[in-house]
N, C-alpha and C. Protein backbone atom coordinates (compact mmCIF):
# COMPACT_ATOMS: atom_id res chain seq x y z
N UNK A 1 55.31 -16.93 -41.75
CA UNK A 1 54.22 -15.70 -42.24
C UNK A 1 54.37 -15.91 -43.57
N UNK A 2 52.96 -15.93 -44.38
CA UNK A 2 52.76 -16.02 -45.69
C UNK A 2 53.15 -14.69 -46.22
N UNK A 3 53.79 -14.28 -47.35
CA UNK A 3 53.94 -13.10 -48.06
C UNK A 3 53.11 -12.97 -49.35
N UNK A 4 52.08 -11.96 -49.41
CA UNK A 4 51.37 -11.96 -50.54
C UNK A 4 52.06 -11.05 -51.59
N UNK A 5 51.40 -10.86 -52.89
CA UNK A 5 51.91 -10.05 -54.01
C UNK A 5 51.61 -8.56 -53.43
N UNK A 6 50.37 -8.29 -52.69
CA UNK A 6 50.32 -6.95 -52.07
C UNK A 6 51.27 -6.61 -51.24
N UNK A 7 51.84 -7.53 -50.26
CA UNK A 7 53.25 -7.39 -49.56
C UNK A 7 54.30 -6.81 -50.43
N UNK A 8 54.61 -7.42 -51.42
CA UNK A 8 55.72 -7.24 -52.15
C UNK A 8 55.45 -5.86 -53.02
N UNK A 9 54.32 -5.75 -53.39
CA UNK A 9 54.21 -4.45 -54.05
C UNK A 9 54.39 -3.23 -53.00
N UNK A 10 54.31 -3.45 -51.80
CA UNK A 10 54.24 -2.43 -50.93
C UNK A 10 55.67 -2.27 -50.59
N UNK A 11 56.67 -3.51 -50.36
CA UNK A 11 57.81 -3.36 -49.83
C UNK A 11 58.64 -2.85 -51.01
N UNK A 12 58.52 -3.02 -52.12
CA UNK A 12 59.10 -2.46 -53.32
C UNK A 12 58.92 -1.18 -53.70
N UNK A 13 57.74 -0.71 -53.41
CA UNK A 13 57.53 0.51 -53.69
C UNK A 13 58.03 1.39 -52.32
N UNK A 14 58.17 1.10 -51.35
CA UNK A 14 58.77 1.54 -50.36
C UNK A 14 60.36 1.87 -50.89
N UNK A 15 60.83 0.84 -50.96
CA UNK A 15 62.55 0.48 -51.41
C UNK A 15 62.79 1.26 -52.65
N UNK A 16 62.11 1.21 -53.65
CA UNK A 16 62.49 2.24 -54.74
C UNK A 16 62.02 3.51 -55.02
N UNK A 17 60.82 3.89 -54.06
CA UNK A 17 60.43 5.14 -54.33
C UNK A 17 59.28 5.18 -55.36
N UNK A 18 59.18 4.15 -56.30
CA UNK A 18 57.96 4.22 -57.27
C UNK A 18 56.82 4.16 -56.78
N UNK A 19 55.89 4.45 -57.55
CA UNK A 19 54.40 4.40 -56.92
C UNK A 19 53.92 2.99 -57.04
N UNK A 20 52.84 2.69 -55.97
CA UNK A 20 52.53 1.35 -55.81
C UNK A 20 51.97 0.67 -57.25
N UNK A 21 50.97 1.47 -57.86
CA UNK A 21 50.35 0.86 -59.14
C UNK A 21 51.48 0.44 -60.37
N UNK A 22 52.69 1.41 -60.31
CA UNK A 22 53.77 0.91 -61.23
C UNK A 22 54.32 -0.34 -60.86
N UNK A 23 54.58 -0.61 -59.62
CA UNK A 23 55.29 -1.76 -58.97
C UNK A 23 54.41 -2.97 -59.24
N UNK A 24 53.10 -2.65 -58.88
CA UNK A 24 52.21 -3.79 -59.27
C UNK A 24 52.25 -4.20 -60.75
N UNK A 25 52.04 -3.32 -61.54
CA UNK A 25 52.29 -3.47 -62.91
C UNK A 25 53.58 -4.28 -63.17
N UNK A 26 54.71 -4.02 -62.39
CA UNK A 26 55.97 -4.66 -63.07
C UNK A 26 55.68 -6.10 -62.48
N UNK A 27 55.62 -6.35 -61.43
CA UNK A 27 55.41 -7.60 -60.83
C UNK A 27 54.49 -8.41 -61.54
N UNK A 28 53.29 -7.79 -61.87
CA UNK A 28 52.43 -8.89 -62.75
C UNK A 28 53.07 -9.18 -63.95
N UNK A 29 53.57 -8.05 -64.76
CA UNK A 29 54.22 -8.50 -66.02
C UNK A 29 55.34 -9.48 -65.82
N UNK A 30 56.33 -9.17 -64.88
CA UNK A 30 57.14 -10.15 -64.62
C UNK A 30 56.72 -11.58 -64.49
N UNK A 31 55.80 -11.59 -63.60
CA UNK A 31 55.18 -13.25 -63.17
C UNK A 31 54.44 -13.76 -64.67
N UNK A 32 53.91 -13.04 -65.39
CA UNK A 32 53.52 -13.42 -66.82
C UNK A 32 54.32 -13.84 -67.67
N UNK A 33 55.73 -13.23 -67.80
CA UNK A 33 56.64 -13.59 -68.63
C UNK A 33 57.15 -14.81 -68.15
N UNK A 34 57.19 -15.30 -66.92
CA UNK A 34 57.70 -16.33 -66.56
C UNK A 34 56.58 -17.56 -66.80
N UNK A 35 55.38 -17.27 -66.40
CA UNK A 35 54.06 -18.43 -67.05
C UNK A 35 54.02 -18.64 -68.45
N UNK A 36 54.35 -17.35 -69.28
CA UNK A 36 54.47 -17.60 -70.80
C UNK A 36 55.80 -18.74 -71.18
N UNK A 37 56.81 -18.23 -70.38
CA UNK A 37 58.05 -19.01 -71.03
C UNK A 37 57.57 -20.32 -70.59
N UNK A 38 57.09 -20.48 -69.70
CA UNK A 38 56.85 -22.18 -69.40
C UNK A 38 55.78 -22.84 -70.02
N UNK A 39 54.67 -21.97 -70.50
CA UNK A 39 53.91 -22.29 -71.19
C UNK A 39 54.51 -22.75 -72.64
N UNK A 40 55.68 -21.93 -72.96
CA UNK A 40 56.26 -22.59 -74.35
C UNK A 40 57.04 -23.49 -74.10
N UNK A 41 57.12 -23.97 -72.84
CA UNK A 41 58.11 -25.49 -72.10
C UNK A 41 59.41 -25.02 -72.53
N UNK A 42 59.67 -23.56 -72.22
CA UNK A 42 61.31 -23.11 -72.12
C UNK A 42 61.43 -23.16 -70.52
N UNK A 43 62.76 -22.70 -70.25
CA UNK A 43 63.15 -22.84 -68.76
C UNK A 43 63.52 -21.45 -68.52
N UNK A 44 63.20 -21.09 -67.23
CA UNK A 44 63.55 -19.56 -66.81
C UNK A 44 64.62 -19.76 -65.83
N UNK A 45 65.85 -19.13 -65.88
CA UNK A 45 66.76 -19.15 -64.97
C UNK A 45 67.36 -17.99 -64.50
N UNK A 46 67.14 -17.72 -63.35
CA UNK A 46 67.60 -16.44 -62.63
C UNK A 46 68.43 -16.90 -61.77
N UNK A 47 69.72 -16.31 -62.20
CA UNK A 47 71.13 -16.58 -61.66
C UNK A 47 71.33 -16.25 -60.18
N UNK A 48 71.66 -17.08 -59.40
CA UNK A 48 71.73 -16.66 -57.81
C UNK A 48 70.49 -17.29 -57.10
N UNK A 49 69.34 -17.49 -57.83
CA UNK A 49 67.97 -17.55 -57.20
C UNK A 49 67.60 -19.23 -57.56
N UNK A 50 67.47 -19.49 -58.73
CA UNK A 50 66.92 -20.90 -59.25
C UNK A 50 66.44 -20.91 -60.64
N UNK A 51 66.02 -22.11 -60.99
CA UNK A 51 65.31 -22.08 -62.22
C UNK A 51 64.11 -22.89 -62.13
N UNK A 52 63.18 -22.28 -63.18
CA UNK A 52 61.78 -22.76 -63.15
C UNK A 52 61.70 -23.58 -64.47
N UNK A 53 61.27 -24.99 -64.53
CA UNK A 53 61.25 -25.58 -65.58
C UNK A 53 59.97 -26.56 -65.56
N UNK A 54 59.45 -26.99 -66.33
CA UNK A 54 58.50 -27.87 -66.49
C UNK A 54 58.91 -29.28 -66.55
N UNK A 55 58.48 -30.24 -65.75
CA UNK A 55 58.84 -31.33 -65.63
C UNK A 55 57.84 -32.68 -66.10
N UNK A 56 57.99 -33.39 -66.67
CA UNK A 56 56.99 -34.51 -67.26
C UNK A 56 56.68 -35.36 -66.31
N UNK A 57 55.33 -35.31 -65.75
CA UNK A 57 54.87 -36.48 -64.88
C UNK A 57 54.14 -37.49 -65.72
N UNK A 58 54.41 -38.69 -65.74
CA UNK A 58 53.89 -39.86 -66.07
C UNK A 58 52.41 -39.99 -65.54
N UNK A 59 51.62 -40.36 -66.36
CA UNK A 59 50.33 -40.80 -66.04
C UNK A 59 50.23 -41.95 -65.11
N UNK A 60 49.29 -42.02 -64.14
CA UNK A 60 49.27 -43.17 -63.27
C UNK A 60 47.63 -43.47 -62.83
N UNK A 61 47.34 -44.25 -62.22
CA UNK A 61 46.02 -44.83 -61.81
C UNK A 61 46.03 -44.22 -60.36
N UNK A 62 45.02 -43.46 -59.90
CA UNK A 62 44.69 -42.67 -58.46
C UNK A 62 43.52 -43.18 -58.14
N UNK A 63 43.11 -43.01 -56.66
CA UNK A 63 41.90 -43.39 -56.17
C UNK A 63 41.17 -42.14 -55.51
N UNK A 64 40.23 -42.35 -55.59
CA UNK A 64 39.18 -41.11 -54.79
C UNK A 64 39.25 -41.58 -53.48
N UNK A 65 39.56 -40.90 -52.57
CA UNK A 65 39.64 -41.51 -51.21
C UNK A 65 38.31 -41.63 -50.74
N UNK A 66 37.22 -41.05 -51.29
CA UNK A 66 35.96 -40.89 -50.65
C UNK A 66 35.22 -42.21 -51.03
N UNK A 67 35.15 -42.40 -51.96
CA UNK A 67 34.47 -43.72 -52.71
C UNK A 67 35.46 -44.82 -53.38
N UNK A 68 36.52 -44.75 -52.99
CA UNK A 68 37.54 -45.83 -53.73
C UNK A 68 37.76 -46.19 -54.90
N UNK A 69 37.04 -45.29 -55.88
CA UNK A 69 37.09 -45.42 -57.22
C UNK A 69 38.00 -45.05 -58.00
N UNK A 70 38.83 -45.97 -58.46
CA UNK A 70 40.08 -45.73 -59.36
C UNK A 70 39.51 -44.75 -60.42
N UNK A 71 40.64 -43.81 -60.57
CA UNK A 71 40.56 -42.50 -61.67
C UNK A 71 42.07 -42.50 -62.28
N UNK A 72 41.96 -42.30 -63.59
CA UNK A 72 43.29 -42.20 -64.52
C UNK A 72 43.72 -41.07 -64.38
N UNK A 73 44.96 -40.77 -64.16
CA UNK A 73 45.40 -39.43 -64.12
C UNK A 73 46.65 -39.38 -65.29
N UNK A 74 46.24 -38.59 -66.24
CA UNK A 74 46.98 -38.66 -67.53
C UNK A 74 48.32 -37.99 -67.48
N UNK A 75 49.07 -38.41 -68.47
CA UNK A 75 50.37 -37.69 -68.45
C UNK A 75 50.26 -36.00 -68.47
N UNK A 76 51.10 -35.59 -67.77
CA UNK A 76 51.29 -34.04 -67.99
C UNK A 76 52.43 -33.46 -67.59
N UNK A 77 52.78 -32.13 -67.81
CA UNK A 77 53.78 -31.46 -67.51
C UNK A 77 53.24 -30.45 -66.37
N UNK A 78 54.58 -30.35 -65.38
CA UNK A 78 54.14 -29.88 -64.20
C UNK A 78 55.29 -28.82 -64.07
N UNK A 79 55.06 -27.36 -63.81
CA UNK A 79 56.04 -26.52 -63.38
C UNK A 79 56.76 -26.72 -62.12
N UNK A 80 57.97 -26.84 -62.20
CA UNK A 80 58.81 -27.27 -60.80
C UNK A 80 59.57 -25.91 -60.55
N UNK A 81 60.31 -25.50 -59.43
CA UNK A 81 61.19 -24.64 -59.06
C UNK A 81 62.35 -25.33 -58.48
N UNK A 82 63.80 -25.07 -58.88
CA UNK A 82 64.99 -25.51 -58.25
C UNK A 82 65.80 -24.38 -57.90
N UNK A 83 65.78 -24.39 -56.86
CA UNK A 83 66.77 -23.37 -56.31
C UNK A 83 68.10 -23.28 -56.38
N UNK A 84 68.71 -22.29 -56.75
CA UNK A 84 70.51 -22.49 -56.64
C UNK A 84 71.19 -22.89 -55.90
N UNK A 85 72.51 -23.53 -56.08
CA UNK A 85 73.13 -23.54 -54.98
C UNK A 85 73.25 -22.90 -53.76
N UNK A 86 73.76 -21.56 -54.32
CA UNK A 86 73.88 -20.44 -53.29
C UNK A 86 72.69 -20.13 -52.44
N UNK A 87 71.48 -20.43 -53.06
CA UNK A 87 70.31 -19.99 -52.38
C UNK A 87 69.98 -21.04 -51.50
N UNK A 88 70.15 -22.20 -51.85
CA UNK A 88 70.06 -23.33 -50.81
C UNK A 88 70.78 -23.37 -49.72
N UNK A 89 72.02 -22.83 -50.14
CA UNK A 89 73.06 -22.82 -48.97
C UNK A 89 72.67 -21.69 -47.72
N UNK A 90 72.21 -20.50 -48.57
CA UNK A 90 71.72 -19.38 -47.70
C UNK A 90 70.62 -20.00 -46.62
N UNK A 91 69.62 -20.44 -47.25
CA UNK A 91 68.54 -20.80 -46.68
C UNK A 91 69.09 -21.84 -45.47
N UNK A 92 69.79 -22.90 -45.69
CA UNK A 92 70.12 -23.87 -44.60
C UNK A 92 70.84 -23.16 -43.51
N UNK A 93 71.78 -22.31 -43.92
CA UNK A 93 72.39 -21.03 -42.82
C UNK A 93 71.51 -20.63 -42.18
N UNK A 94 70.47 -20.03 -42.51
CA UNK A 94 69.63 -18.83 -41.82
C UNK A 94 68.49 -19.59 -41.11
N UNK A 95 68.14 -20.80 -41.65
CA UNK A 95 66.62 -21.54 -40.93
C UNK A 95 67.20 -22.98 -40.47
N UNK A 96 67.36 -22.68 -38.89
CA UNK A 96 67.65 -24.12 -38.31
C UNK A 96 66.79 -25.02 -38.09
N UNK A 97 66.89 -26.29 -38.70
CA UNK A 97 66.12 -27.48 -38.17
C UNK A 97 65.83 -27.63 -36.76
N UNK A 98 64.64 -27.83 -36.48
CA UNK A 98 64.29 -28.02 -34.69
C UNK A 98 64.29 -29.07 -34.50
């Protein structure tokens, strides 16, 4: 099941008793701070959850699958998330591979 920002706004509003519009502003500002930190090429570390960091991806030659034309993909930074060890273990315990 996919959870949207609206879902989290509703849940946090219920749990905290704060009005939904205040919770929405808080969540949007939190996400904006993470984005701004990554734009400045700094890392975001949330203990017990994980780390957001920009990874350098070297450029390469790609291929358009429709017409097979080669396309140059430039070097770039890509934001990535690495979950903490505790978070990974919790996920492994709760979600069984079928």
